[in-house]
């Protein structure tokens, strides 16, 4: 009866070891996913910053063009 108990406990230990190994694999998988997601987020932040800079440049260019247009319209009024 003691031998059966030992065998049963060894089986339980094996199951626990397998569960731990499975958990370690799952942890490694999620850590890899986390790294991928962090890289994606960093790329998105960089893209957003670049787009914000581009927007500011375009707005400045728009302002310059609007001012040039007003100057041309004013000059045209005097030419007519």
C-alpha atoms as a PDB file:
ATOM      1  CA  UNK A   1       0.000   0.000   0.000  1.00  0.00           C
ATOM      2  CA  UNK A   2       2.885   2.372   0.734  1.00  0.00           C
ATOM      3  CA  UNK A   3       4.427   1.511  -2.649  1.00  0.00           C
ATOM      4  CA  UNK A   4       1.132   2.397  -4.377  1.00  0.00           C
ATOM      5  CA  UNK A   5       1.052   5.702  -2.519  1.00  0.00           C
ATOM      6  CA  UNK A   6       4.641   6.434  -3.631  1.00  0.00           C
ATOM      7  CA  UNK A   7       3.771   5.578  -7.248  1.00  0.00           C
ATOM      8  CA  UNK A   8       0.691   7.790  -7.066  1.00  0.00           C
ATOM      9  CA  UNK A   9       2.696  10.678  -5.606  1.00  0.00           C
ATOM     10  CA  UNK A  10       5.379  10.242  -8.299  1.00  0.00           C
ATOM     11  CA  UNK A  11       2.653  10.442 -10.951  1.00  0.00           C
ATOM     12  CA  UNK A  12       1.346  13.622  -9.354  1.00  0.00           C
ATOM     13  CA  UNK A  13       4.876  15.054  -9.283  1.00  0.00           C
ATOM     14  CA  UNK A  14       5.278  14.231 -12.984  1.00  0.00           C
ATOM     15  CA  UNK A  15       1.971  15.963 -13.764  1.00  0.00           C
ATOM     16  CA  UNK A  16       3.043  19.019 -11.783  1.00  0.00           C
ATOM     17  CA  UNK A  17       6.412  19.094 -13.589  1.00  0.00           C
ATOM     18  CA  UNK A  18       4.617  18.886 -16.934  1.00  0.00           C
ATOM     19  CA  UNK A  19       2.262  21.687 -15.919  1.00  0.00           C
ATOM     20  CA  UNK A  20       5.240  23.822 -14.882  1.00  0.00           C
ATOM     21  CA  UNK A  21       6.974  23.136 -18.204  1.00  0.00           C
ATOM     22  CA  UNK A  22       3.775  24.023 -20.073  1.00  0.00           C
ATOM     23  CA  UNK A  23       3.478  27.231 -18.049  1.00  0.00           C
ATOM     24  CA  UNK A  24       7.103  28.099 -18.804  1.00  0.00           C
ATOM     25  CA  UNK A  25       6.405  27.639 -22.524  1.00  0.00           C
ATOM     26  CA  UNK A  26       3.302  29.798 -22.251  1.00  0.00           C
ATOM     27  CA  UNK A  27       5.208  32.489 -20.361  1.00  0.00           C
ATOM     28  CA  UNK A  28       7.907  32.493 -23.050  1.00  0.00           C
ATOM     29  CA  UNK A  29       5.236  32.805 -25.746  1.00  0.00           C
ATOM     30  CA  UNK A  30       3.538  35.734 -24.027  1.00  0.00           C
ATOM     31  CA  UNK A  31       6.862  37.441 -23.353  1.00  0.00           C
ATOM     32  CA  UNK A  32       7.664  37.206 -27.071  1.00  0.00           C
ATOM     33  CA  UNK A  33       4.214  38.607 -27.898  1.00  0.00           C
ATOM     34  CA  UNK A  34       4.751  41.403 -25.391  1.00  0.00           C
ATOM     35  CA  UNK A  35       8.063  42.311 -27.032  1.00  0.00           C
ATOM     36  CA  UNK A  36       6.390  42.343 -30.460  1.00  0.00           C
ATOM     37  CA  UNK A  37       3.559  44.541 -29.181  1.00  0.00           C
ATOM     38  CA  UNK A  38       6.032  46.928 -27.524  1.00  0.00           C
ATOM     39  CA  UNK A  39       7.935  47.207 -30.806  1.00  0.00           C
ATOM     40  CA  UNK A  40       4.681  47.856 -32.675  1.00  0.00           C
ATOM     41  CA  UNK A  41       3.690  50.555 -30.177  1.00  0.00           C
ATOM     42  CA  UNK A  42       7.127  52.190 -30.453  1.00  0.00           C
ATOM     43  CA  UNK A  43       6.792  52.202 -34.249  1.00  0.00           C
ATOM     44  CA  UNK A  44       3.314  53.721 -34.037  1.00  0.00           C
ATOM     45  CA  UNK A  45       4.517  56.431 -31.651  1.00  0.00           C
ATOM     46  CA  UNK A  46       7.332  57.237 -34.065  1.00  0.00           C
ATOM     47  CA  UNK A  47       4.937  57.347 -37.020  1.00  0.00           C
ATOM     48  CA  UNK A  48       2.556  59.638 -35.127  1.00  0.00           C
ATOM     49  CA  UNK A  49       5.413  61.971 -34.205  1.00  0.00           C
ATOM     50  CA  UNK A  50       6.570  62.048 -37.834  1.00  0.00           C
ATOM     51  CA  UNK A  51       3.051  62.748 -39.057  1.00  0.00           C
ATOM     52  CA  UNK A  52       2.630  65.534 -36.492  1.00  0.00           C
ATOM     53  CA  UNK A  53       5.868  67.111 -37.699  1.00  0.00           C
ATOM     54  CA  UNK A  54       4.766  66.756 -41.315  1.00  0.00           C
ATOM     55  CA  UNK A  55       1.419  68.350 -40.443  1.00  0.00           C
ATOM     56  CA  UNK A  56       3.163  71.333 -38.859  1.00  0.00           C
ATOM     57  CA  UNK A  57       5.367  71.755 -41.928  1.00  0.00           C
ATOM     58  CA  UNK A  58       2.358  71.589 -44.231  1.00  0.00           C
ATOM     59  CA  UNK A  59       0.434  74.089 -42.119  1.00  0.00           C
ATOM     60  CA  UNK A  60       3.381  76.479 -42.247  1.00  0.00           C
ATOM     61  CA  UNK A  61       3.593  76.029 -46.021  1.00  0.00           C
ATOM     62  CA  UNK A  62      -0.157  76.636 -46.300  1.00  0.00           C
ATOM     63  CA  UNK A  63       0.184  79.873 -44.344  1.00  0.00           C
ATOM     64  CA  UNK A  64       2.995  81.060 -46.609  1.00  0.00           C
ATOM     65  CA  UNK A  65       0.985  80.190 -49.723  1.00  0.00           C
ATOM     66  CA  UNK A  66      -2.093  81.974 -48.364  1.00  0.00           C
ATOM     67  CA  UNK A  67      -0.008  85.063 -47.690  1.00  0.00           C
ATOM     68  CA  UNK A  68       1.479  84.905 -51.187  1.00  0.00           C
ATOM     69  CA  UNK A  69      -2.006  84.549 -52.662  1.00  0.00           C
ATOM     70  CA  UNK A  70      -3.235  87.606 -50.753  1.00  0.00           C
ATOM     71  CA  UNK A  71      -0.213  89.571 -51.933  1.00  0.00           C
ATOM     72  CA  UNK A  72      -0.869  88.512 -55.537  1.00  0.00           C
ATOM     73  CA  UNK A  73      -4.556  89.415 -55.234  1.00  0.00           C
ATOM     74  CA  UNK A  74      -3.630  92.826 -53.839  1.00  0.00           C
ATOM     75  CA  UNK A  75      -1.068  93.384 -56.596  1.00  0.00           C
ATOM     76  CA  UNK A  76      -3.629  92.316 -59.205  1.00  0.00           C
ATOM     77  CA  UNK A  77      -6.147  94.886 -57.896  1.00  0.00           C
ATOM     78  CA  UNK A  78      -3.639  97.646 -58.463  1.00  0.00           C
ATOM     79  CA  UNK A  79      -2.786  96.318 -61.939  1.00  0.00           C
ATOM     80  CA  UNK A  80      -6.410  96.306 -63.043  1.00  0.00           C
END
